[in-house]
């Protein structure tokens, strides 16, 4: 059974690895890929679940909508605060609050991803699934896999 809490814990554990962070942020910043979707696809592979390309495309549409409506504008606000308002006396408190809110928005996106996956007819117990290959170019997929080691 898929759970958003289990996915969140998995994502946090994987993301703690600095090399993984670097690869995922490159995927986001240079290749317009969504970190949460990358983590979900990796999580599903970890669970031996294989998605189809169509299912991956549906998940990509989910993240693009939430990115467009919430995360991208919020990140822009956070970056503005960082670049323009560091002289504010309570800047560190403000920054911590903004980061905490961004994490909650990430959790919201993960929740929507998990709920959408629950609507799929899933192929599980697959030996060595490679869901990320539906989303990332092979070179980035390989770098991500090596970073996890």
C-alpha atoms as a PDB file:
ATOM      1  CA  UNK A   1       0.000   0.000   0.000  1.00  0.00           C
ATOM      2  CA  UNK A   2       1.380   3.364  -1.008  1.00  0.00           C
ATOM      3  CA  UNK A   3       1.517   5.984   1.698  1.00  0.00           C
ATOM      4  CA  UNK A   4       2.509   9.620   1.526  1.00  0.00           C
ATOM      5  CA  UNK A   5       4.298   9.332   4.887  1.00  0.00           C
ATOM      6  CA  UNK A   6       6.412   6.407   3.694  1.00  0.00           C
ATOM      7  CA  UNK A   7       7.195   8.272   0.485  1.00  0.00           C
ATOM      8  CA  UNK A   8       8.133  11.434   2.411  1.00  0.00           C
ATOM      9  CA  UNK A   9      10.485   9.428   4.653  1.00  0.00           C
ATOM     10  CA  UNK A  10      12.048   7.728   1.629  1.00  0.00           C
ATOM     11  CA  UNK A  11      12.488  11.062  -0.154  1.00  0.00           C
ATOM     12  CA  UNK A  12      14.081  12.694   2.903  1.00  0.00           C
ATOM     13  CA  UNK A  13      16.470   9.777   3.350  1.00  0.00           C
ATOM     14  CA  UNK A  14      17.555   9.793  -0.307  1.00  0.00           C
ATOM     15  CA  UNK A  15      17.772  13.601  -0.466  1.00  0.00           C
ATOM     16  CA  UNK A  16      20.142  13.762   2.535  1.00  0.00           C
ATOM     17  CA  UNK A  17      22.866  12.428   0.249  1.00  0.00           C
ATOM     18  CA  UNK A  18      24.681  15.544  -1.054  1.00  0.00           C
ATOM     19  CA  UNK A  19      25.542  13.915  -4.378  1.00  0.00           C
ATOM     20  CA  UNK A  20      21.885  13.006  -4.907  1.00  0.00           C
ATOM     21  CA  UNK A  21      20.902  16.590  -4.059  1.00  0.00           C
ATOM     22  CA  UNK A  22      23.340  17.931  -6.634  1.00  0.00           C
ATOM     23  CA  UNK A  23      22.038  15.660  -9.390  1.00  0.00           C
ATOM     24  CA  UNK A  24      18.394  16.388  -8.552  1.00  0.00           C
ATOM     25  CA  UNK A  25      18.931  20.139  -8.396  1.00  0.00           C
ATOM     26  CA  UNK A  26      20.695  19.968 -11.759  1.00  0.00           C
ATOM     27  CA  UNK A  27      17.703  18.045 -13.102  1.00  0.00           C
ATOM     28  CA  UNK A  28      15.441  20.826 -11.802  1.00  0.00           C
ATOM     29  CA  UNK A  29      17.512  23.874 -12.679  1.00  0.00           C
ATOM     30  CA  UNK A  30      19.075  22.846 -15.993  1.00  0.00           C
ATOM     31  CA  UNK A  31      16.649  20.286 -17.395  1.00  0.00           C
ATOM     32  CA  UNK A  32      13.272  21.504 -16.047  1.00  0.00           C
ATOM     33  CA  UNK A  33      12.598  18.226 -14.217  1.00  0.00           C
ATOM     34  CA  UNK A  34      10.661  17.960 -10.973  1.00  0.00           C
ATOM     35  CA  UNK A  35      12.567  16.694  -7.929  1.00  0.00           C
ATOM     36  CA  UNK A  36       9.468  15.192  -6.297  1.00  0.00           C
ATOM     37  CA  UNK A  37       8.623  13.270  -9.448  1.00  0.00           C
ATOM     38  CA  UNK A  38      12.191  11.971  -9.687  1.00  0.00           C
ATOM     39  CA  UNK A  39      12.007  10.852  -6.072  1.00  0.00           C
ATOM     40  CA  UNK A  40       8.607   9.232  -6.578  1.00  0.00           C
ATOM     41  CA  UNK A  41       9.739   7.321  -9.644  1.00  0.00           C
ATOM     42  CA  UNK A  42      12.777   6.118  -7.731  1.00  0.00           C
ATOM     43  CA  UNK A  43      10.589   5.183  -4.750  1.00  0.00           C
ATOM     44  CA  UNK A  44       8.263   3.150  -6.944  1.00  0.00           C
ATOM     45  CA  UNK A  45      11.264   1.341  -8.416  1.00  0.00           C
ATOM     46  CA  UNK A  46      12.452   0.671  -4.865  1.00  0.00           C
ATOM     47  CA  UNK A  47       9.027  -0.904  -4.221  1.00  0.00           C
ATOM     48  CA  UNK A  48       9.435  -3.009  -7.405  1.00  0.00           C
ATOM     49  CA  UNK A  49       6.576  -1.207  -9.141  1.00  0.00           C
ATOM     50  CA  UNK A  50       6.940  -0.416 -12.839  1.00  0.00           C
ATOM     51  CA  UNK A  51       4.971   2.439 -14.378  1.00  0.00           C
ATOM     52  CA  UNK A  52       4.165   2.840 -18.031  1.00  0.00           C
ATOM     53  CA  UNK A  53       5.316   5.851 -20.015  1.00  0.00           C
ATOM     54  CA  UNK A  54       1.697   7.059 -20.101  1.00  0.00           C
ATOM     55  CA  UNK A  55       1.407   6.869 -16.308  1.00  0.00           C
ATOM     56  CA  UNK A  56       4.660   8.805 -15.967  1.00  0.00           C
ATOM     57  CA  UNK A  57       3.294  11.459 -18.342  1.00  0.00           C
ATOM     58  CA  UNK A  58       0.160  11.762 -16.205  1.00  0.00           C
ATOM     59  CA  UNK A  59       2.299  12.269 -13.091  1.00  0.00           C
ATOM     60  CA  UNK A  60       4.338  14.863 -14.935  1.00  0.00           C
ATOM     61  CA  UNK A  61       1.127  16.781 -15.665  1.00  0.00           C
ATOM     62  CA  UNK A  62       0.245  16.669 -11.943  1.00  0.00           C
ATOM     63  CA  UNK A  63       3.587  18.173 -10.899  1.00  0.00           C
ATOM     64  CA  UNK A  64       3.558  20.781 -13.641  1.00  0.00           C
ATOM     65  CA  UNK A  65       0.192  22.084 -12.474  1.00  0.00           C
ATOM     66  CA  UNK A  66       1.265  22.323  -8.823  1.00  0.00           C
ATOM     67  CA  UNK A  67       4.613  23.816  -9.819  1.00  0.00           C
ATOM     68  CA  UNK A  68       2.887  26.445 -11.946  1.00  0.00           C
ATOM     69  CA  UNK A  69       0.201  27.305  -9.387  1.00  0.00           C
ATOM     70  CA  UNK A  70       2.170  27.097  -6.136  1.00  0.00           C
ATOM     71  CA  UNK A  71       5.815  26.123  -6.039  1.00  0.00           C
ATOM     72  CA  UNK A  72       7.357  28.279  -8.763  1.00  0.00           C
ATOM     73  CA  UNK A  73       5.716  31.521  -7.556  1.00  0.00           C
ATOM     74  CA  UNK A  74       6.533  30.671  -3.955  1.00  0.00           C
ATOM     75  CA  UNK A  75      10.176  29.924  -4.736  1.00  0.00           C
ATOM     76  CA  UNK A  76      10.387  33.252  -6.572  1.00  0.00           C
ATOM     77  CA  UNK A  77       9.069  34.993  -3.459  1.00  0.00           C
ATOM     78  CA  UNK A  78      11.575  33.188  -1.258  1.00  0.00           C
ATOM     79  CA  UNK A  79      14.446  34.091  -3.610  1.00  0.00           C
ATOM     80  CA  UNK A  80      13.327  37.753  -3.663  1.00  0.00           C
ATOM     81  CA  UNK A  81      13.379  37.818   0.114  1.00  0.00           C
ATOM     82  CA  UNK A  82      16.849  36.288   0.104  1.00  0.00           C
ATOM     83  CA  UNK A  83      18.304  38.733  -2.416  1.00  0.00           C
ATOM     84  CA  UNK A  84      16.524  41.940  -1.398  1.00  0.00           C
ATOM     85  CA  UNK A  85      15.624  41.757   2.282  1.00  0.00           C
ATOM     86  CA  UNK A  86      18.596  40.288   4.128  1.00  0.00           C
ATOM     87  CA  UNK A  87      18.954  43.551   6.061  1.00  0.00           C
ATOM     88  CA  UNK A  88      15.557  42.981   7.671  1.00  0.00           C
ATOM     89  CA  UNK A  89      16.258  42.518  11.420  1.00  0.00           C
ATOM     90  CA  UNK A  90      14.215  39.299  11.607  1.00  0.00           C
ATOM     91  CA  UNK A  91      15.486  37.950   8.285  1.00  0.00           C
ATOM     92  CA  UNK A  92      16.669  34.612   9.712  1.00  0.00           C
ATOM     93  CA  UNK A  93      13.249  33.973  11.250  1.00  0.00           C
ATOM     94  CA  UNK A  94      11.578  34.993   7.996  1.00  0.00           C
ATOM     95  CA  UNK A  95      13.872  32.707   5.990  1.00  0.00           C
ATOM     96  CA  UNK A  96      13.175  29.757   8.293  1.00  0.00           C
ATOM     97  CA  UNK A  97       9.442  30.370   7.981  1.00  0.00           C
ATOM     98  CA  UNK A  98       9.619  30.596   4.186  1.00  0.00           C
ATOM     99  CA  UNK A  99      11.631  27.369   3.974  1.00  0.00           C
ATOM    100  CA  UNK A 100       9.190  25.579   6.285  1.00  0.00           C
ATOM    101  CA  UNK A 101       6.285  26.690   4.104  1.00  0.00           C
ATOM    102  CA  UNK A 102       8.089  25.540   0.969  1.00  0.00           C
ATOM    103  CA  UNK A 103       8.583  22.114   2.569  1.00  0.00           C
ATOM    104  CA  UNK A 104       4.851  21.931   3.274  1.00  0.00           C
ATOM    105  CA  UNK A 105       4.159  22.752  -0.373  1.00  0.00           C
ATOM    106  CA  UNK A 106       6.566  19.961  -1.376  1.00  0.00           C
ATOM    107  CA  UNK A 107       4.621  17.590   0.900  1.00  0.00           C
ATOM    108  CA  UNK A 108       1.387  18.742  -0.739  1.00  0.00           C
ATOM    109  CA  UNK A 109       2.813  17.938  -4.156  1.00  0.00           C
ATOM    110  CA  UNK A 110       3.971  14.530  -2.940  1.00  0.00           C
ATOM    111  CA  UNK A 111       0.511  13.864  -1.531  1.00  0.00           C
ATOM    112  CA  UNK A 112      -1.082  14.596  -4.906  1.00  0.00           C
ATOM    113  CA  UNK A 113       1.436  12.371  -6.659  1.00  0.00           C
ATOM    114  CA  UNK A 114       0.747   9.433  -4.331  1.00  0.00           C
ATOM    115  CA  UNK A 115      -3.017   9.903  -4.620  1.00  0.00           C
ATOM    116  CA  UNK A 116      -2.720   9.908  -8.403  1.00  0.00           C
ATOM    117  CA  UNK A 117      -0.575   6.759  -8.406  1.00  0.00           C
ATOM    118  CA  UNK A 118      -3.260   5.051  -6.316  1.00  0.00           C
ATOM    119  CA  UNK A 119      -5.650   5.460  -9.260  1.00  0.00           C
ATOM    120  CA  UNK A 120      -3.336   3.468 -11.556  1.00  0.00           C
ATOM    121  CA  UNK A 121      -3.456  -0.205 -12.293  1.00  0.00           C
ATOM    122  CA  UNK A 122       0.067  -1.007 -11.141  1.00  0.00           C
ATOM    123  CA  UNK A 123       2.479  -3.647 -12.312  1.00  0.00           C
ATOM    124  CA  UNK A 124       4.260  -4.702  -9.126  1.00  0.00           C
ATOM    125  CA  UNK A 125       6.802  -7.356  -8.153  1.00  0.00           C
ATOM    126  CA  UNK A 126       8.836  -6.324 -11.189  1.00  0.00           C
ATOM    127  CA  UNK A 127      12.498  -7.233 -11.100  1.00  0.00           C
ATOM    128  CA  UNK A 128      14.700  -4.134 -11.442  1.00  0.00           C
ATOM    129  CA  UNK A 129      12.145  -1.514 -12.579  1.00  0.00           C
ATOM    130  CA  UNK A 130      13.585   1.660 -14.058  1.00  0.00           C
ATOM    131  CA  UNK A 131      10.814   4.251 -13.825  1.00  0.00           C
ATOM    132  CA  UNK A 132      13.184   7.196 -13.964  1.00  0.00           C
ATOM    133  CA  UNK A 133      14.153   6.280 -17.519  1.00  0.00           C
ATOM    134  CA  UNK A 134      10.645   7.338 -18.567  1.00  0.00           C
ATOM    135  CA  UNK A 135      11.424  10.823 -17.257  1.00  0.00           C
ATOM    136  CA  UNK A 136      15.174  11.490 -17.281  1.00  0.00           C
ATOM    137  CA  UNK A 137      17.712  11.199 -20.059  1.00  0.00           C
ATOM    138  CA  UNK A 138      19.880   8.118 -19.616  1.00  0.00           C
ATOM    139  CA  UNK A 139      22.953  10.174 -18.626  1.00  0.00           C
ATOM    140  CA  UNK A 140      21.082  11.850 -15.727  1.00  0.00           C
ATOM    141  CA  UNK A 141      19.495   8.550 -14.731  1.00  0.00           C
ATOM    142  CA  UNK A 142      22.967   6.963 -14.546  1.00  0.00           C
ATOM    143  CA  UNK A 143      24.359   9.884 -12.511  1.00  0.00           C
ATOM    144  CA  UNK A 144      21.414   9.656 -10.100  1.00  0.00           C
ATOM    145  CA  UNK A 145      21.907   5.919  -9.630  1.00  0.00           C
ATOM    146  CA  UNK A 146      25.646   6.368  -9.002  1.00  0.00           C
ATOM    147  CA  UNK A 147      25.002   9.203  -6.545  1.00  0.00           C
ATOM    148  CA  UNK A 148      22.743   6.931  -4.484  1.00  0.00           C
ATOM    149  CA  UNK A 149      25.561   4.416  -3.952  1.00  0.00           C
END
